[in-house]
Amino acid sequence: MRCGSDVVLVRSCKRRYSLLVIPYGVYLLFLPLNHRKVIMKILLQNTFILLLISIDLGFTSAAKLHRAGETTNELSFKEVSGNENSNAEPTTCQKHIRPMDCEEVMENGNNMSGVYNIWPRSRVGTCPSIQVYCDMETEGGGWTVIQRRGNFQNAQNYFDKPWKDYKAGFGNVRKEFWIGNDNIFAITNQGQYSARFEVTNREEKFAYAVYETFYIDDENQKYKLHLQDYSGTAGKFLLTFFYISSF
């Protein structure tokens, strides 16, 4: 299983995605041992913090998702949201004709990294498409990139956006972007996914962190993050939680 980056990748038991959301009062930082700061900036909404990776000029980063388990081809609103009183009809998308993530895009014979359309099966009613960047090279390919940051000629505060922008997503999926919280929820709640976070510094030193389980709740739960089972080379990037009283 694999995932990766300040690129964030997600893969369903071999699918990859990226996103971080944590409870109010928690601040997550990457601190490289060479003391070059990789700053994890935060965006506050109500009682939760949306955490995103912000980097000094010269660093690049990504987050990717990959599916790590079996998926459900038909999901009802009850199954997706936990609403036991829902009478919604199951959402149905035919596998591979409408690929649900970049792993299925790869299984369709597309082996080149690039922009593709996917149709997550966890959506209610119809299956609207999402335009995503698929990494077909990292750890066997099939990674769905959910975030990328780097030197793409955008302002340093490019990721300082309001809640609604993080909900819907923004940026250019070929360059610097955030795929959107609703899209991350749709992708990661259609099966078990792993996430891979990657960072490269000015000296071209590379580090990554993989979480074998990765998903988020919906907006009603403030996109609460769930992750576990860490592995990787991030010994050079200490993940530290800082508790802060207010913003």
C-alpha atoms as a PDB file:
ATOM      1  CA  MET A   1       0.000   0.000   0.000  1.00  0.00           C
ATOM      2  CA  ARG A   2       1.261   3.435  -0.711  1.00  0.00           C
ATOM      3  CA  CYS A   3       0.430   7.101  -0.610  1.00  0.00           C
ATOM      4  CA  GLY A   4       2.381  10.373  -0.753  1.00  0.00           C
ATOM      5  CA  SER A   5       3.539  14.142  -0.487  1.00  0.00           C
ATOM      6  CA  ASP A   6       3.428  18.153   0.109  1.00  0.00           C
ATOM      7  CA  VAL A   7       1.813  16.644  -2.557  1.00  0.00           C
ATOM      8  CA  VAL A   8      -0.921  14.779  -0.897  1.00  0.00           C
ATOM      9  CA  LEU A   9      -1.938  11.559  -2.557  1.00  0.00           C
ATOM     10  CA  VAL A  10      -4.730   9.212  -1.694  1.00  0.00           C
ATOM     11  CA  ARG A  11      -5.110   5.659  -2.872  1.00  0.00           C
ATOM     12  CA  SER A  12      -7.847   3.121  -2.152  1.00  0.00           C
ATOM     13  CA  CYS A  13      -6.153   0.185  -0.687  1.00  0.00           C
ATOM     14  CA  LYS A  14      -4.208   1.293  -3.227  1.00  0.00           C
ATOM     15  CA  ARG A  15      -5.795   4.648  -3.855  1.00  0.00           C
ATOM     16  CA  ARG A  16      -4.351   7.956  -2.681  1.00  0.00           C
ATOM     17  CA  TYR A  17      -5.642  11.373  -1.521  1.00  0.00           C
ATOM     18  CA  SER A  18      -4.738  14.347   0.654  1.00  0.00           C
ATOM     19  CA  LEU A  19      -6.277  16.529   3.339  1.00  0.00           C
ATOM     20  CA  LEU A  20      -5.960  17.401   6.980  1.00  0.00           C
ATOM     21  CA  VAL A  21      -8.695  18.567   9.348  1.00  0.00           C
ATOM     22  CA  ILE A  22      -8.243  18.639  13.115  1.00  0.00           C
ATOM     23  CA  PRO A  23     -10.215  19.753  16.215  1.00  0.00           C
ATOM     24  CA  TYR A  24     -10.041  23.347  17.424  1.00  0.00           C
ATOM     25  CA  GLY A  25      -6.962  24.084  19.483  1.00  0.00           C
ATOM     26  CA  VAL A  26      -4.590  21.698  17.718  1.00  0.00           C
ATOM     27  CA  TYR A  27      -1.822  22.920  15.426  1.00  0.00           C
ATOM     28  CA  LEU A  28       0.217  20.476  13.357  1.00  0.00           C
ATOM     29  CA  LEU A  29       3.736  21.328  12.201  1.00  0.00           C
ATOM     30  CA  PHE A  30       6.441  19.690  10.121  1.00  0.00           C
ATOM     31  CA  LEU A  31       9.858  20.573  11.560  1.00  0.00           C
ATOM     32  CA  PRO A  32      12.790  19.402   9.405  1.00  0.00           C
ATOM     33  CA  LEU A  33      15.956  18.593  11.328  1.00  0.00           C
ATOM     34  CA  ASN A  34      17.959  21.059   9.259  1.00  0.00           C
ATOM     35  CA  HIS A  35      15.732  23.766  10.787  1.00  0.00           C
ATOM     36  CA  ARG A  36      14.318  24.925   7.467  1.00  0.00           C
ATOM     37  CA  LYS A  37      10.699  25.475   8.362  1.00  0.00           C
ATOM     38  CA  VAL A  38       7.891  23.682   6.637  1.00  0.00           C
ATOM     39  CA  ILE A  39       4.953  25.561   8.097  1.00  0.00           C
ATOM     40  CA  MET A  40       1.549  23.944   8.470  1.00  0.00           C
ATOM     41  CA  LYS A  41      -0.847  26.873   8.308  1.00  0.00           C
ATOM     42  CA  ILE A  42      -4.364  26.721   9.613  1.00  0.00           C
ATOM     43  CA  LEU A  43      -7.757  28.000   8.664  1.00  0.00           C
ATOM     44  CA  LEU A  44     -10.358  28.300  11.421  1.00  0.00           C
ATOM     45  CA  GLN A  45     -14.047  27.644  10.877  1.00  0.00           C
ATOM     46  CA  ASN A  46     -16.384  27.403  13.855  1.00  0.00           C
ATOM     47  CA  THR A  47     -14.799  24.912  16.260  1.00  0.00           C
ATOM     48  CA  PHE A  48     -12.561  23.113  13.809  1.00  0.00           C
ATOM     49  CA  ILE A  49      -9.320  23.865  12.034  1.00  0.00           C
ATOM     50  CA  LEU A  50      -8.654  22.966   8.450  1.00  0.00           C
ATOM     51  CA  LEU A  51      -4.972  22.175   8.278  1.00  0.00           C
ATOM     52  CA  LEU A  52      -3.046  22.622   5.091  1.00  0.00           C
ATOM     53  CA  ILE A  53       0.585  22.467   4.191  1.00  0.00           C
ATOM     54  CA  SER A  54       2.230  25.825   3.596  1.00  0.00           C
ATOM     55  CA  ILE A  55       5.835  25.855   2.516  1.00  0.00           C
ATOM     56  CA  ASP A  56       8.732  28.283   2.359  1.00  0.00           C
ATOM     57  CA  LEU A  57       9.877  29.242  -1.130  1.00  0.00           C
ATOM     58  CA  GLY A  58      12.040  26.430  -2.435  1.00  0.00           C
ATOM     59  CA  PHE A  59      10.021  23.605  -0.894  1.00  0.00           C
ATOM     60  CA  THR A  60       7.535  21.543  -2.855  1.00  0.00           C
ATOM     61  CA  SER A  61       4.915  19.299  -1.370  1.00  0.00           C
ATOM     62  CA  ALA A  62       1.994  17.070  -2.294  1.00  0.00           C
ATOM     63  CA  ALA A  63      -0.695  14.851  -0.807  1.00  0.00           C
ATOM     64  CA  LYS A  64      -2.059  11.746  -2.519  1.00  0.00           C
ATOM     65  CA  LEU A  65      -4.712   9.090  -1.880  1.00  0.00           C
ATOM     66  CA  HIS A  66      -4.869   5.406  -2.689  1.00  0.00           C
ATOM     67  CA  ARG A  67      -7.560   2.796  -2.024  1.00  0.00           C
ATOM     68  CA  ALA A  68      -6.483   0.269   0.598  1.00  0.00           C
ATOM     69  CA  GLY A  69      -9.485  -2.025   0.721  1.00  0.00           C
ATOM     70  CA  GLU A  70     -12.629  -3.218  -0.944  1.00  0.00           C
ATOM     71  CA  THR A  71     -15.077  -0.603  -2.183  1.00  0.00           C
ATOM     72  CA  THR A  72     -18.831  -0.473  -2.259  1.00  0.00           C
ATOM     73  CA  ASN A  73     -20.341  -0.143  -5.721  1.00  0.00           C
ATOM     74  CA  GLU A  74     -23.677   1.086  -4.385  1.00  0.00           C
ATOM     75  CA  LEU A  75     -23.997   3.422  -1.411  1.00  0.00           C
ATOM     76  CA  SER A  76     -27.170   4.939  -0.031  1.00  0.00           C
ATOM     77  CA  PHE A  77     -27.314   8.295   1.731  1.00  0.00           C
ATOM     78  CA  LYS A  78     -27.838   6.327   4.937  1.00  0.00           C
ATOM     79  CA  GLU A  79     -24.560   4.469   4.419  1.00  0.00           C
ATOM     80  CA  VAL A  80     -22.620   7.603   3.511  1.00  0.00           C
ATOM     81  CA  SER A  81     -23.989   9.983   6.141  1.00  0.00           C
ATOM     82  CA  GLY A  82     -25.113   7.622   8.889  1.00  0.00           C
ATOM     83  CA  ASN A  83     -28.658   9.012   8.621  1.00  0.00           C
ATOM     84  CA  GLU A  84     -30.789   6.028   9.619  1.00  0.00           C
ATOM     85  CA  ASN A  85     -33.994   7.822   8.607  1.00  0.00           C
ATOM     86  CA  SER A  86     -32.986   8.418   5.010  1.00  0.00           C
ATOM     87  CA  ASN A  87     -35.105   6.919   2.228  1.00  0.00           C
ATOM     88  CA  ALA A  88     -32.705   7.996  -0.518  1.00  0.00           C
ATOM     89  CA  GLU A  89     -32.108   5.563  -3.339  1.00  0.00           C
ATOM     90  CA  PRO A  90     -28.599   4.089  -3.639  1.00  0.00           C
ATOM     91  CA  THR A  91     -26.099   5.903  -5.816  1.00  0.00           C
ATOM     92  CA  THR A  92     -24.890   3.727  -8.682  1.00  0.00           C
ATOM     93  CA  CYS A  93     -21.952   4.240 -11.036  1.00  0.00           C
ATOM     94  CA  GLN A  94     -20.704   1.478 -13.280  1.00  0.00           C
ATOM     95  CA  LYS A  95     -17.157   0.526 -12.386  1.00  0.00           C
ATOM     96  CA  HIS A  96     -14.432   1.458 -14.849  1.00  0.00           C
ATOM     97  CA  ILE A  97     -16.849   3.036 -17.349  1.00  0.00           C
ATOM     98  CA  ARG A  98     -16.992   5.814 -14.784  1.00  0.00           C
ATOM     99  CA  PRO A  99     -13.839   5.242 -12.700  1.00  0.00           C
ATOM    100  CA  MET A 100     -14.248   6.150  -9.043  1.00  0.00           C
ATOM    101  CA  ASP A 101     -10.620   7.155  -8.492  1.00  0.00           C
ATOM    102  CA  CYS A 102      -7.205   7.141 -10.144  1.00  0.00           C
ATOM    103  CA  GLU A 103      -6.651   3.464  -9.419  1.00  0.00           C
ATOM    104  CA  GLU A 104      -9.595   2.567 -11.624  1.00  0.00           C
ATOM    105  CA  VAL A 105      -8.345   5.085 -14.203  1.00  0.00           C
ATOM    106  CA  MET A 106      -5.083   3.115 -14.225  1.00  0.00           C
ATOM    107  CA  GLU A 107      -6.936  -0.204 -14.413  1.00  0.00           C
ATOM    108  CA  ASN A 108      -8.599   1.136 -17.564  1.00  0.00           C
ATOM    109  CA  GLY A 109      -5.162   1.163 -19.186  1.00  0.00           C
ATOM    110  CA  ASN A 110      -4.210   4.803 -18.578  1.00  0.00           C
ATOM    111  CA  ASN A 111      -0.592   4.669 -17.416  1.00  0.00           C
ATOM    112  CA  MET A 112       0.421   8.295 -17.981  1.00  0.00           C
ATOM    113  CA  SER A 113       0.254  10.804 -15.131  1.00  0.00           C
ATOM    114  CA  GLY A 114      -2.139  13.628 -15.946  1.00  0.00           C
ATOM    115  CA  VAL A 115      -5.630  15.061 -15.565  1.00  0.00           C
ATOM    116  CA  TYR A 116      -8.599  12.661 -15.675  1.00  0.00           C
ATOM    117  CA  ASN A 117     -12.274  12.651 -14.699  1.00  0.00           C
ATOM    118  CA  ILE A 118     -13.486  10.385 -11.900  1.00  0.00           C
ATOM    119  CA  TRP A 119     -16.977   9.645 -10.532  1.00  0.00           C
ATOM    120  CA  PRO A 120     -16.887   8.918  -6.766  1.00  0.00           C
ATOM    121  CA  ARG A 121     -19.601   6.423  -5.802  1.00  0.00           C
ATOM    122  CA  SER A 122     -20.301   7.905  -2.402  1.00  0.00           C
ATOM    123  CA  ARG A 123     -22.315  10.770  -3.863  1.00  0.00           C
ATOM    124  CA  VAL A 124     -26.101  10.901  -3.366  1.00  0.00           C
ATOM    125  CA  GLY A 125     -28.363  10.692  -6.425  1.00  0.00           C
ATOM    126  CA  THR A 126     -26.327  11.159  -9.596  1.00  0.00           C
ATOM    127  CA  CYS A 127     -22.578  10.653  -9.914  1.00  0.00           C
ATOM    128  CA  PRO A 128     -21.079  14.018 -10.898  1.00  0.00           C
ATOM    129  CA  SER A 129     -17.536  13.915 -12.200  1.00  0.00           C
ATOM    130  CA  ILE A 130     -14.470  15.433 -10.529  1.00  0.00           C
ATOM    131  CA  GLN A 131     -11.417  16.520 -12.483  1.00  0.00           C
ATOM    132  CA  VAL A 132      -8.306  15.213 -10.720  1.00  0.00           C
ATOM    133  CA  TYR A 133      -4.594  14.771 -11.318  1.00  0.00           C
ATOM    134  CA  CYS A 134      -3.572  11.099 -11.304  1.00  0.00           C
ATOM    135  CA  ASP A 135      -0.021  10.115 -10.337  1.00  0.00           C
ATOM    136  CA  MET A 136       0.746   6.946 -12.284  1.00  0.00           C
ATOM    137  CA  GLU A 137       4.413   6.782 -11.246  1.00  0.00           C
ATOM    138  CA  THR A 138       4.658   6.863  -7.441  1.00  0.00           C
ATOM    139  CA  GLU A 139       4.725   3.423  -5.803  1.00  0.00           C
ATOM    140  CA  GLY A 140       2.978   1.595  -8.626  1.00  0.00           C
ATOM    141  CA  GLY A 141       0.676   4.411  -9.706  1.00  0.00           C
ATOM    142  CA  GLY A 142      -3.041   4.971  -9.240  1.00  0.00           C
ATOM    143  CA  TRP A 143      -2.674   7.853  -6.779  1.00  0.00           C
ATOM    144  CA  THR A 144      -5.269  10.635  -6.673  1.00  0.00           C
ATOM    145  CA  VAL A 145      -3.508  13.914  -5.885  1.00  0.00           C
ATOM    146  CA  ILE A 146      -5.627  16.044  -3.554  1.00  0.00           C
ATOM    147  CA  GLN A 147      -3.193  18.856  -2.855  1.00  0.00           C
ATOM    148  CA  ARG A 148      -0.027  20.295  -4.352  1.00  0.00           C
ATOM    149  CA  ARG A 149       2.099  23.254  -3.227  1.00  0.00           C
ATOM    150  CA  GLY A 150       5.252  24.611  -4.753  1.00  0.00           C
ATOM    151  CA  ASN A 151       6.828  27.400  -6.759  1.00  0.00           C
ATOM    152  CA  PHE A 152       4.109  27.951  -9.365  1.00  0.00           C
ATOM    153  CA  GLN A 153       4.322  31.765  -9.445  1.00  0.00           C
ATOM    154  CA  ASN A 154       1.362  32.212  -7.087  1.00  0.00           C
ATOM    155  CA  ALA A 155       1.461  34.584  -4.121  1.00  0.00           C
ATOM    156  CA  GLN A 156       2.850  33.227  -0.854  1.00  0.00           C
ATOM    157  CA  ASN A 157      -0.611  33.658   0.698  1.00  0.00           C
ATOM    158  CA  TYR A 158      -2.334  31.851  -2.178  1.00  0.00           C
ATOM    159  CA  PHE A 159      -3.716  29.221   0.193  1.00  0.00           C
ATOM    160  CA  ASP A 160      -5.201  31.807   2.571  1.00  0.00           C
ATOM    161  CA  LYS A 161      -8.786  31.216   1.458  1.00  0.00           C
ATOM    162  CA  PRO A 162     -12.227  31.328   3.135  1.00  0.00           C
ATOM    163  CA  TRP A 163     -14.034  28.178   4.236  1.00  0.00           C
ATOM    164  CA  LYS A 164     -16.223  28.063   1.122  1.00  0.00           C
ATOM    165  CA  ASP A 165     -13.160  27.832  -1.126  1.00  0.00           C
ATOM    166  CA  TYR A 166     -11.742  24.906   0.839  1.00  0.00           C
ATOM    167  CA  LYS A 167     -15.156  23.257   0.700  1.00  0.00           C
ATOM    168  CA  ALA A 168     -15.364  23.477  -3.108  1.00  0.00           C
ATOM    169  CA  GLY A 169     -11.658  23.409  -3.993  1.00  0.00           C
ATOM    170  CA  PHE A 170      -9.477  25.877  -5.892  1.00  0.00           C
ATOM    171  CA  GLY A 171      -6.397  26.190  -8.085  1.00  0.00           C
ATOM    172  CA  ASN A 172      -5.083  24.400 -11.167  1.00  0.00           C
ATOM    173  CA  VAL A 173      -4.844  20.610 -10.791  1.00  0.00           C
ATOM    174  CA  ARG A 174      -1.784  20.614 -13.056  1.00  0.00           C
ATOM    175  CA  LYS A 175       0.000  23.033 -10.747  1.00  0.00           C
ATOM    176  CA  GLU A 176      -0.916  24.304  -7.261  1.00  0.00           C
ATOM    177  CA  PHE A 177      -4.335  23.412  -5.895  1.00  0.00           C
ATOM    178  CA  TRP A 178      -6.678  22.061  -3.236  1.00  0.00           C
ATOM    179  CA  ILE A 179      -9.149  19.481  -4.527  1.00  0.00           C
ATOM    180  CA  GLY A 180     -11.931  20.477  -2.092  1.00  0.00           C
ATOM    181  CA  ASN A 181     -13.189  19.057   1.190  1.00  0.00           C
ATOM    182  CA  ASP A 182     -16.458  17.801  -0.280  1.00  0.00           C
ATOM    183  CA  ASN A 183     -14.521  15.959  -2.974  1.00  0.00           C
ATOM    184  CA  ILE A 184     -12.149  14.436  -0.428  1.00  0.00           C
ATOM    185  CA  PHE A 185     -15.139  13.298   1.626  1.00  0.00           C
ATOM    186  CA  ALA A 186     -16.751  11.758  -1.466  1.00  0.00           C
ATOM    187  CA  ILE A 187     -13.583   9.900  -2.446  1.00  0.00           C
ATOM    188  CA  THR A 188     -12.444   8.632   0.942  1.00  0.00           C
ATOM    189  CA  ASN A 189     -15.882   7.404   2.022  1.00  0.00           C
ATOM    190  CA  GLN A 190     -16.316   4.953  -0.859  1.00  0.00           C
ATOM    191  CA  GLY A 191     -13.765   2.478   0.522  1.00  0.00           C
ATOM    192  CA  GLN A 192     -10.662   2.252   2.685  1.00  0.00           C
ATOM    193  CA  TYR A 193      -8.007   4.711   1.533  1.00  0.00           C
ATOM    194  CA  SER A 194      -4.413   5.420   2.449  1.00  0.00           C
ATOM    195  CA  ALA A 195      -2.732   8.830   2.170  1.00  0.00           C
ATOM    196  CA  ARG A 196       0.823   9.784   1.298  1.00  0.00           C
ATOM    197  CA  PHE A 197       2.419  13.154   2.093  1.00  0.00           C
ATOM    198  CA  GLU A 198       5.634  14.174   0.312  1.00  0.00           C
ATOM    199  CA  VAL A 199       8.018  17.081   0.867  1.00  0.00           C
ATOM    200  CA  THR A 200      11.135  18.100  -1.093  1.00  0.00           C
ATOM    201  CA  ASN A 201      13.379  20.917   0.184  1.00  0.00           C
ATOM    202  CA  ARG A 202      15.745  23.341  -1.549  1.00  0.00           C
ATOM    203  CA  GLU A 203      18.542  20.777  -1.503  1.00  0.00           C
ATOM    204  CA  GLU A 204      16.262  18.276  -3.251  1.00  0.00           C
ATOM    205  CA  LYS A 205      16.077  16.165  -0.101  1.00  0.00           C
ATOM    206  CA  PHE A 206      12.869  14.153  -0.117  1.00  0.00           C
ATOM    207  CA  ALA A 207      10.754  12.778   2.731  1.00  0.00           C
ATOM    208  CA  TYR A 208       7.336  11.135   2.868  1.00  0.00           C
ATOM    209  CA  ALA A 209       4.746   9.942   5.366  1.00  0.00           C
ATOM    210  CA  VAL A 210       2.079   7.300   4.707  1.00  0.00           C
ATOM    211  CA  TYR A 211      -1.097   6.640   6.704  1.00  0.00           C
ATOM    212  CA  GLU A 212      -2.715   3.339   5.750  1.00  0.00           C
ATOM    213  CA  THR A 213      -6.137   4.548   6.903  1.00  0.00           C
ATOM    214  CA  PHE A 214      -7.307   7.999   5.851  1.00  0.00           C
ATOM    215  CA  TYR A 215     -10.773   9.550   5.564  1.00  0.00           C
ATOM    216  CA  ILE A 216     -12.767  12.599   6.625  1.00  0.00           C
ATOM    217  CA  ASP A 217     -16.313  13.240   7.797  1.00  0.00           C
ATOM    218  CA  ASP A 218     -18.726  15.563   5.991  1.00  0.00           C
ATOM    219  CA  GLU A 219     -19.244  19.283   6.529  1.00  0.00           C
ATOM    220  CA  ASN A 220     -21.779  18.704   9.310  1.00  0.00           C
ATOM    221  CA  GLN A 221     -18.897  17.180  11.278  1.00  0.00           C
ATOM    222  CA  LYS A 222     -16.532  19.986  10.151  1.00  0.00           C
ATOM    223  CA  TYR A 223     -14.613  17.530   7.924  1.00  0.00           C
ATOM    224  CA  LYS A 224     -13.112  15.785  10.918  1.00  0.00           C
ATOM    225  CA  LEU A 225      -9.970  13.877   9.976  1.00  0.00           C
ATOM    226  CA  HIS A 226      -9.365  10.165  10.670  1.00  0.00           C
ATOM    227  CA  LEU A 227      -5.958   8.588  10.082  1.00  0.00           C
ATOM    228  CA  GLN A 228      -3.821   5.796  11.525  1.00  0.00           C
ATOM    229  CA  ASP A 229      -0.963   3.332  10.875  1.00  0.00           C
ATOM    230  CA  TYR A 230       1.966   5.589  10.010  1.00  0.00           C
ATOM    231  CA  SER A 231       5.067   4.611   8.035  1.00  0.00           C
ATOM    232  CA  GLY A 232       7.649   6.453   5.942  1.00  0.00           C
ATOM    233  CA  THR A 233      10.889   8.410   6.061  1.00  0.00           C
ATOM    234  CA  ALA A 234       9.522  11.389   7.967  1.00  0.00           C
ATOM    235  CA  GLY A 235      11.998  10.814  10.766  1.00  0.00           C
ATOM    236  CA  LYS A 236      13.560  13.924   9.288  1.00  0.00           C
ATOM    237  CA  PHE A 237      10.270  15.756   9.615  1.00  0.00           C
ATOM    238  CA  LEU A 238       8.975  15.638  13.159  1.00  0.00           C
ATOM    239  CA  LEU A 239       5.211  15.725  13.338  1.00  0.00           C
ATOM    240  CA  THR A 240       4.330  17.681  16.445  1.00  0.00           C
ATOM    241  CA  PHE A 241       0.984  18.783  17.817  1.00  0.00           C
ATOM    242  CA  PHE A 242       0.921  22.182  19.477  1.00  0.00           C
ATOM    243  CA  TYR A 243      -2.063  23.103  21.592  1.00  0.00           C
ATOM    244  CA  ILE A 244      -2.946  26.756  21.381  1.00  0.00           C
ATOM    245  CA  SER A 245      -5.580  28.618  23.307  1.00  0.00           C
ATOM    246  CA  SER A 246      -6.997  31.008  20.724  1.00  0.00           C
ATOM    247  CA  PHE A 247      -6.617  32.662  17.318  1.00  0.00           C
END
